[in-house]
Amino acid sequence: MRHACLLYIGTEDGVLVFHVSGGEMELIGRGLEGHAVRAIALHPEDSRIAYVACGLRGWGLYRTPDAGRHWDLLGFKDRWVWDVVFHPNDPQTIFIGTEPPMLYMSRDGGQTFEAFEGIDRLPSRRSWKFFYEPFYAGHIHGIILHPRQPQRLFAGVEQGALIYSHDGGRTWHEALVGHDLHRITIDPSDPDRIFAGAGEGLFVSEDAARTWTPVTDLEGKYVHGIYFDPHRPERIYAYVARDRAPLYKSEDGGRDWHPMARELPENGSADSFSLHPECPELLFYGGEVSGRRGQLFASWDAGEHWEMLGGQLPKIWRLRVGKPVERAGTQYGNGRGA
C-alpha cells in the first residue's frame, strides 16, 4: 500500500510542501523564496508545524504552523542557520546550529534562545573553518540526542571536529578533530553507539563518542547523511556524494555496506533522503539533474526500485517526511499553487 504523507522539500529557493498519496503530489504550501534551506524539523505530534533553517544563500530560523501557508521569522537573521532539531522527549525544546559556529537551545518553541558558550572554549575552536564569506568560520549541524539519554548532545562542525556533551551542555568535549563532519546519528537500540558521516568516510563509536573507528566499506568516501530505519535498527542507509552510487544500505547494523540505486543522480553535499515515519519501506530521495535542478524520486520497496515523482524543482537540499494531517482530524486548507 502506498501510504500518504506530508513531504517538505527544502530547496535552493525556499520550501515546498506536498501531500503525497499513491504516487500523486499535491502542492499545499510554500515559502522562504530566495533562501537556501539547510535543515527542516517536523513537530513529532503535528507535521503541519515545522522549523526551517536557512543559510549560506539566505539567513535565519523560520516556523510554519500550517504546512507552509504562513511563515514567521524566529531569529538569527544576521547569521546562517545550518540545523534545527527537536528534543526527543519535549517538543517545546529545540536545538539550533549556526555559522558563526554555535549551538543554541530554546525551551519555549523558539521564542527565546540560549547559547552553549562552552563550545567556544574547545581546544580546536580557532581552527574551524568554512570557505565562504563573510564568516569563513565553520558551522554546527548534525545535531542528535537519544530519547533514553537526552542529556547527551552530539553535533558536527564543518569543518573542524565532532563535539559532544554528556551532561546537557554544561561541559563539552571534541573528537575526530580536523575532520569534515556532516551528519551524526545514534543507534535507536543502543545510545552508546554513534555514527558520524564525514568527508573522509563513515566512523562509528561504541562508547558515546569517546573513541572512533572508520567503517571499512565507506572509508575515504564523502559520506553526508546517515539514516536508521526506526522500525528495523539493523537497517541503515547512507548518502554518499561523488561516488558511483549515491545511496548505500546496511542490513547488519552498519558492519557491511552495499551500494544501491546506481541509476539515481547524486546530489552533492545535501541531506536529501528521508523515510516515511510509519512505513519504512517508503523512501524519498532528491537528486540533481541538469543545470542544478532537483528531481524527486520515491521507492516503495526499501530502495530496490525507484520512480520519479513530479517535475523538476530548484536544487534540493533537504527532505523531511511527516504523517498526513488528516490522521489528526484536521484539514490542510488551500495551499498556494506552484
Protein backbone atom coordinates (compact mmCIF):
# COMPACT_ATOMS: atom_id res chain seq x y z
CA MET A 1 0.00 0.00 0.00
CA ARG A 2 1.32 3.43 -0.89
CA HIS A 3 0.98 5.34 2.38
CA ALA A 4 0.11 9.02 2.31
CA CYS A 5 2.45 11.56 3.87
CA LEU A 6 3.33 15.21 4.14
CA LEU A 7 6.60 15.94 2.34
CA TYR A 8 8.69 19.06 2.98
CA ILE A 9 11.28 19.79 0.28
CA GLY A 10 13.94 22.35 1.14
CA THR A 11 15.48 23.82 -1.97
CA GLU A 12 17.90 26.47 -3.15
CA ASP A 13 14.87 28.74 -3.47
CA GLY A 14 12.78 28.13 -0.37
CA VAL A 15 10.44 25.37 0.83
CA LEU A 16 7.77 23.39 -0.99
CA VAL A 17 5.25 21.30 0.98
CA PHE A 18 3.36 18.49 -0.73
CA HIS A 19 0.71 15.99 0.24
CA VAL A 20 1.83 12.70 -1.34
CA SER A 21 -0.54 9.77 -1.82
CA GLY A 22 -0.41 6.85 -4.23
CA GLY A 23 2.38 8.42 -6.22
CA GLU A 24 0.49 11.69 -6.70
CA MET A 25 1.78 15.01 -5.32
CA GLU A 26 -0.38 17.99 -4.36
CA LEU A 27 1.35 21.26 -3.53
CA ILE A 28 -0.24 22.65 -0.36
CA GLY A 29 2.27 25.23 0.85
CA ARG A 30 5.46 27.05 0.04
CA GLY A 31 7.59 29.96 1.18
CA LEU A 32 11.00 31.46 2.00
CA GLU A 33 11.79 32.08 -1.65
CA GLY A 34 15.31 33.43 -2.07
CA HIS A 35 16.64 31.40 0.88
CA ALA A 36 18.62 28.16 0.62
CA VAL A 37 17.22 25.63 3.11
CA ARG A 38 19.76 23.84 5.30
CA ALA A 39 17.51 21.93 7.73
CA ILE A 40 13.87 21.07 8.42
CA ALA A 41 12.45 19.79 11.71
CA LEU A 42 8.88 18.50 11.85
CA HIS A 43 6.90 18.61 15.09
CA PRO A 44 6.59 15.00 16.29
CA GLU A 45 2.87 15.37 17.08
CA ASP A 46 1.69 17.64 14.25
CA SER A 47 3.54 17.69 10.93
CA ARG A 48 1.87 20.96 9.92
CA ILE A 49 4.31 22.62 12.35
CA ALA A 50 7.85 22.82 11.03
CA TYR A 51 11.03 24.76 11.77
CA VAL A 52 13.26 25.61 8.82
CA ALA A 53 16.89 26.73 8.91
CA CYS A 54 18.35 28.87 6.11
CA GLY A 55 21.96 29.70 5.40
CA LEU A 56 24.82 30.40 3.00
CA ARG A 57 22.36 31.84 0.49
CA GLY A 58 19.82 33.21 2.93
CA TRP A 59 19.53 33.73 6.67
CA GLY A 60 17.56 32.83 9.75
CA LEU A 61 15.29 30.36 11.52
CA TYR A 62 11.63 30.19 10.50
CA ARG A 63 8.48 28.43 11.64
CA THR A 64 5.27 27.47 9.86
CA PRO A 65 2.18 26.47 11.88
CA ASP A 66 0.16 25.30 8.86
CA ALA A 67 2.26 23.22 6.43
CA GLY A 68 3.87 26.16 4.68
CA ARG A 69 0.97 28.54 4.10
CA HIS A 70 2.36 31.09 6.57
CA TRP A 71 5.88 31.68 7.92
CA ASP A 72 7.35 33.53 10.91
CA LEU A 73 10.97 34.59 11.38
CA LEU A 74 12.05 33.46 14.86
CA GLY A 75 15.58 34.84 14.89
CA PHE A 76 19.17 34.59 13.63
CA LYS A 77 18.53 37.00 10.78
CA ASP A 78 22.22 38.02 10.90
CA ARG A 79 23.70 34.53 10.63
CA TRP A 80 23.41 31.28 8.73
CA VAL A 81 21.39 28.53 10.38
CA TRP A 82 22.54 25.04 9.42
CA ASP A 83 20.46 22.76 11.63
CA VAL A 84 17.37 22.62 13.81
CA VAL A 85 16.12 19.55 15.70
CA PHE A 86 13.54 18.76 18.36
CA HIS A 87 14.39 17.36 21.77
CA PRO A 88 13.31 13.70 21.51
CA ASN A 89 11.10 13.89 24.62
CA ASP A 90 9.97 17.52 24.71
CA PRO A 91 8.62 19.21 21.55
CA GLN A 92 8.85 22.63 23.21
CA THR A 93 12.65 22.31 23.27
CA ILE A 94 14.62 22.75 20.05
CA PHE A 95 18.33 22.92 19.24
CA ILE A 96 19.83 25.19 16.58
CA GLY A 97 23.26 25.09 14.93
CA THR A 98 24.67 28.18 13.25
CA GLU A 99 27.56 29.84 11.48
CA PRO A 100 29.45 31.54 13.08
CA PRO A 101 29.68 28.22 14.90
CA MET A 102 27.46 27.97 17.96
CA LEU A 103 24.80 25.64 19.31
CA TYR A 104 21.66 27.16 20.84
CA MET A 105 18.71 25.77 22.76
CA SER A 106 15.18 27.11 23.05
CA ARG A 107 12.91 25.79 25.79
CA ASP A 108 9.83 27.66 24.58
CA GLY A 109 9.42 26.62 20.96
CA GLY A 110 11.67 29.31 19.54
CA GLN A 111 10.64 32.44 21.43
CA THR A 112 13.97 32.72 23.27
CA PHE A 113 17.39 31.11 22.80
CA GLU A 114 20.40 30.39 24.97
CA ALA A 115 23.88 29.58 23.68
CA PHE A 116 26.11 26.74 24.85
CA GLU A 117 29.05 29.07 25.34
CA GLY A 118 31.41 26.31 26.48
CA ILE A 119 31.75 25.32 22.84
CA ASP A 120 33.89 28.40 22.25
CA ARG A 121 36.45 27.07 24.75
CA LEU A 122 37.11 23.78 22.95
CA PRO A 123 40.81 23.41 22.03
CA SER A 124 40.25 23.13 18.28
CA ARG A 125 37.77 26.02 18.08
CA ARG A 126 40.15 28.50 16.42
CA SER A 127 40.92 26.09 13.58
CA TRP A 128 37.29 25.57 12.49
CA LYS A 129 36.63 26.94 9.02
CA PHE A 130 34.25 27.07 6.09
CA PHE A 131 35.06 28.57 2.73
CA TYR A 132 32.51 31.33 2.16
CA GLU A 133 32.37 34.98 3.12
CA PRO A 134 31.53 36.80 5.29
CA PHE A 135 32.20 34.32 8.10
CA TYR A 136 34.76 31.73 6.90
CA ALA A 137 34.10 30.24 10.30
CA GLY A 138 32.71 26.70 10.09
CA HIS A 139 29.21 25.72 11.16
CA ILE A 140 27.46 23.32 13.51
CA HIS A 141 25.00 20.76 12.18
CA GLY A 142 24.17 17.06 12.50
CA ILE A 143 22.68 17.67 15.97
CA ILE A 144 21.36 14.50 17.62
CA LEU A 145 20.10 13.28 21.01
CA HIS A 146 18.86 9.83 22.03
CA PRO A 147 15.48 9.61 23.82
CA ARG A 148 16.93 7.31 26.51
CA GLN A 149 19.95 9.56 27.15
CA PRO A 150 18.81 13.10 26.22
CA GLN A 151 21.44 14.74 28.42
CA ARG A 152 23.94 13.68 25.76
CA LEU A 153 24.27 16.08 22.82
CA PHE A 154 26.28 15.36 19.69
CA ALA A 155 26.95 17.56 16.67
CA GLY A 156 29.40 18.01 13.83
CA VAL A 157 31.45 21.00 12.77
CA GLU A 158 32.02 21.52 9.06
CA GLN A 159 34.95 21.70 9.06
CA GLY A 160 36.62 21.02 12.37
CA ALA A 161 35.52 18.33 14.81
CA LEU A 162 32.76 16.26 16.31
CA ILE A 163 31.62 17.97 19.52
CA TYR A 164 29.66 16.38 22.35
CA SER A 165 28.40 16.83 25.88
CA HIS A 166 27.32 14.11 28.30
CA ASP A 167 25.78 16.48 30.85
CA GLY A 168 23.21 18.52 28.97
CA GLY A 169 25.70 21.04 27.63
CA ARG A 170 27.46 22.10 30.84
CA THR A 171 30.78 20.68 29.67
CA TRP A 172 31.95 19.96 26.11
CA HIS A 173 34.42 17.57 24.51
CA GLU A 174 35.69 17.01 20.98
CA ALA A 175 36.71 14.08 18.79
CA LEU A 176 37.64 13.50 15.14
CA VAL A 177 39.47 16.83 15.24
CA GLY A 178 40.36 18.14 11.79
CA HIS A 179 37.66 16.13 10.02
CA ASP A 180 34.90 17.47 7.80
CA LEU A 181 31.83 16.44 9.82
CA HIS A 182 28.38 16.29 8.25
CA ARG A 183 25.69 14.18 9.94
CA ILE A 184 25.71 12.36 13.27
CA THR A 185 23.20 9.68 14.22
CA ILE A 186 22.62 7.28 17.11
CA ASP A 187 21.61 3.61 17.01
CA PRO A 188 17.96 3.60 18.20
CA SER A 189 18.60 0.42 20.18
CA ASP A 190 21.93 1.48 21.76
CA PRO A 191 22.54 5.08 22.95
CA ASP A 192 26.30 4.42 23.22
CA ARG A 193 26.62 3.56 19.53
CA ILE A 194 27.16 6.67 17.37
CA PHE A 195 27.78 7.04 13.63
CA ALA A 196 29.41 10.09 12.06
CA GLY A 197 29.34 10.85 8.35
CA ALA A 198 32.29 12.92 7.18
CA GLY A 199 34.16 13.98 4.09
CA GLU A 200 36.71 11.29 4.95
CA GLY A 201 34.21 8.44 5.33
CA LEU A 202 31.91 6.88 7.93
CA PHE A 203 33.05 6.49 11.55
CA VAL A 204 31.49 4.56 14.42
CA SER A 205 31.86 4.90 18.19
CA GLU A 206 30.77 2.22 20.66
CA ASP A 207 31.38 4.39 23.75
CA ALA A 208 29.24 7.51 23.23
CA ALA A 209 31.81 9.42 21.11
CA ARG A 210 34.92 8.94 23.24
CA THR A 211 36.72 6.77 20.66
CA TRP A 212 36.11 6.22 16.95
CA THR A 213 36.80 3.61 14.27
CA PRO A 214 36.47 4.04 10.49
CA VAL A 215 33.94 1.79 8.75
CA THR A 216 35.93 -0.10 6.13
CA ASP A 217 33.35 -0.29 3.33
CA LEU A 218 32.90 3.51 3.28
CA GLU A 219 36.42 4.58 4.19
CA GLY A 220 37.57 7.56 2.15
CA LYS A 221 34.11 8.27 0.72
CA TYR A 222 32.26 11.58 1.05
CA VAL A 223 29.52 10.49 3.46
CA HIS A 224 26.94 13.19 4.07
CA GLY A 225 23.83 11.53 5.52
CA ILE A 226 23.20 8.54 7.81
CA TYR A 227 19.66 7.27 8.42
CA PHE A 228 18.45 4.45 10.66
CA ASP A 229 15.22 2.64 9.86
CA PRO A 230 13.33 3.31 13.14
CA HIS A 231 11.42 0.04 12.83
CA ARG A 232 14.44 -2.10 11.93
CA PRO A 233 17.56 -0.63 13.60
CA GLU A 234 19.80 -3.16 11.87
CA ARG A 235 18.92 -1.43 8.58
CA ILE A 236 20.82 1.80 7.90
CA TYR A 237 21.09 3.99 4.81
CA ALA A 238 23.91 6.32 3.86
CA TYR A 239 24.03 9.08 1.27
CA VAL A 240 27.46 9.27 -0.39
CA ALA A 241 28.34 12.08 -2.79
CA ARG A 242 30.94 11.88 -5.55
CA ASP A 243 30.52 8.12 -5.92
CA ARG A 244 29.23 5.65 -8.48
CA ALA A 245 26.08 5.17 -6.38
CA PRO A 246 24.56 7.91 -4.19
CA LEU A 247 22.92 5.56 -1.69
CA TYR A 248 24.33 2.69 0.34
CA LYS A 249 22.49 0.29 2.63
CA SER A 250 23.49 -1.93 5.53
CA GLU A 251 21.27 -4.75 6.78
CA ASP A 252 23.51 -5.75 9.69
CA GLY A 253 23.72 -2.65 11.86
CA GLY A 254 26.44 -0.90 9.88
CA ARG A 255 29.10 -3.56 9.66
CA ASP A 256 28.73 -4.27 5.93
CA TRP A 257 27.57 -1.76 3.30
CA HIS A 258 26.42 -2.24 -0.28
CA PRO A 259 25.68 0.35 -2.98
CA MET A 260 22.10 0.68 -4.17
CA ALA A 261 20.16 2.78 -6.67
CA ARG A 262 23.02 3.20 -9.14
CA GLU A 263 20.52 4.73 -11.56
CA LEU A 264 19.86 7.73 -9.32
CA PRO A 265 21.74 11.02 -9.83
CA GLU A 266 23.89 12.18 -6.93
CA ASN A 267 23.23 15.47 -5.18
CA GLY A 268 26.44 16.97 -3.82
CA SER A 269 26.68 17.97 -0.17
CA ALA A 270 22.96 17.57 0.57
CA ASP A 271 20.74 15.71 3.04
CA SER A 272 18.05 14.84 0.52
CA PHE A 273 16.89 11.43 1.74
CA SER A 274 14.02 10.60 4.08
CA LEU A 275 11.92 7.64 5.25
CA HIS A 276 8.18 7.54 5.84
CA PRO A 277 7.70 7.62 9.66
CA GLU A 278 5.22 4.72 9.71
CA CYS A 279 6.06 2.80 6.53
CA PRO A 280 9.85 2.43 6.40
CA GLU A 281 9.71 0.66 3.03
CA LEU A 282 8.71 4.03 1.53
CA LEU A 283 11.78 6.16 0.80
CA PHE A 284 12.25 9.57 -0.83
CA TYR A 285 15.39 10.95 -2.43
CA GLY A 286 16.20 14.20 -4.21
CA GLY A 287 18.89 14.15 -6.89
CA GLU A 288 20.48 16.83 -9.04
CA VAL A 289 19.81 16.83 -12.76
CA SER A 290 20.84 19.26 -15.48
CA GLY A 291 21.56 22.88 -14.62
CA ARG A 292 21.45 22.45 -10.83
CA ARG A 293 17.81 21.43 -10.96
CA GLY A 294 16.35 18.96 -8.49
CA GLN A 295 14.33 15.83 -9.17
CA LEU A 296 12.40 13.85 -6.56
CA PHE A 297 12.40 10.04 -6.56
CA ALA A 298 10.45 7.52 -4.46
CA SER A 299 10.81 3.83 -3.64
CA TRP A 300 8.03 1.68 -2.15
CA ASP A 301 10.25 -1.36 -1.53
CA ALA A 302 13.14 -0.10 0.66
CA GLY A 303 15.20 1.04 -2.30
CA GLU A 304 15.02 -1.91 -4.67
CA HIS A 305 13.18 0.11 -7.30
CA TRP A 306 12.77 3.87 -7.79
CA GLU A 307 10.49 6.11 -9.82
CA MET A 308 10.38 9.85 -10.46
CA LEU A 309 7.76 11.95 -8.71
CA GLY A 310 6.63 15.27 -10.17
CA GLY A 311 8.63 17.60 -12.34
CA GLN A 312 11.93 19.36 -11.85
CA LEU A 313 12.44 21.67 -8.89
CA PRO A 314 15.15 24.05 -7.72
CA LYS A 315 18.23 22.30 -6.33
CA ILE A 316 17.06 20.07 -3.43
CA TRP A 317 18.98 20.38 -0.16
CA ARG A 318 16.71 18.76 2.43
CA LEU A 319 13.77 16.34 2.63
CA ARG A 320 11.56 15.56 5.62
CA VAL A 321 8.51 13.29 5.70
CA GLY A 322 5.68 13.58 8.23
CA LYS A 323 2.37 11.91 8.92
CA PRO A 324 -0.54 13.24 6.88
CA VAL A 325 -2.53 15.81 8.81
CA GLU A 326 -5.88 14.16 8.10
CA ARG A 327 -5.00 11.45 10.57
CA ALA A 328 -5.39 14.01 13.33
CA GLY A 329 -8.81 15.03 12.01
CA THR A 330 -7.62 18.36 10.60
CA GLN A 331 -7.55 19.86 7.13
CA TYR A 332 -4.78 21.49 5.13
CA GLY A 333 -6.76 24.35 3.69
CA ASN A 334 -5.84 25.87 0.34
CA GLY A 335 -2.11 26.00 -0.32
CA ARG A 336 -0.62 28.32 -2.89
CA GLY A 337 0.00 26.76 -6.26
CA ALA A 338 3.34 26.31 -7.94
